[in-house]
């Protein structure tokens, strides 16, 4: 993922690390609930 973004945007803006969280809690609308996700 980092290599993919470095090809398309500058390396300064590209992420250094990518985390994948498979079980993010979502609201009824489908948005990620940030308050419960940040407590991991």
Protein backbone atom coordinates (compact mmCIF):
# COMPACT_ATOMS: atom_id res chain seq x y z
CA UNK A 1 0.00 0.00 0.00
CA UNK A 2 2.82 2.43 0.85
CA UNK A 3 4.60 1.71 -2.45
CA UNK A 4 1.34 2.21 -4.34
CA UNK A 5 0.81 5.66 -2.83
CA UNK A 6 4.45 6.70 -3.31
CA UNK A 7 4.04 6.14 -7.05
CA UNK A 8 1.02 8.45 -7.19
CA UNK A 9 1.83 11.18 -4.65
CA UNK A 10 5.07 12.58 -3.26
CA UNK A 11 6.99 10.35 -0.86
CA UNK A 12 6.65 13.01 1.85
CA UNK A 13 2.85 12.66 1.82
CA UNK A 14 2.83 8.86 1.52
CA UNK A 15 2.15 6.91 4.73
CA UNK A 16 5.10 5.30 6.49
CA UNK A 17 2.93 2.62 8.08
CA UNK A 18 -0.42 1.08 7.18
CA UNK A 19 -2.62 -0.65 9.76
CA UNK A 20 -5.54 -2.88 8.79
CA UNK A 21 -8.34 -3.26 11.32
CA UNK A 22 -10.81 -5.90 10.13
CA UNK A 23 -13.50 -5.41 12.79
CA UNK A 24 -14.20 -1.68 12.92
CA UNK A 25 -17.53 -0.85 14.48
CA UNK A 26 -19.86 1.06 12.18
CA UNK A 27 -22.98 3.10 12.72
CA UNK A 28 -26.33 2.30 11.16
CA UNK A 29 -25.42 4.62 8.28
CA UNK A 30 -22.13 2.78 7.66
CA UNK A 31 -19.64 5.30 9.05
CA UNK A 32 -16.79 4.13 11.30
CA UNK A 33 -17.42 4.93 14.96
CA UNK A 34 -14.22 6.81 15.81
CA UNK A 35 -14.78 6.97 19.57
CA UNK A 36 -14.83 3.20 19.95
CA UNK A 37 -12.07 2.64 17.38
CA UNK A 38 -9.51 4.95 19.02
CA UNK A 39 -9.56 2.96 22.27
CA UNK A 40 -7.81 -0.07 20.75
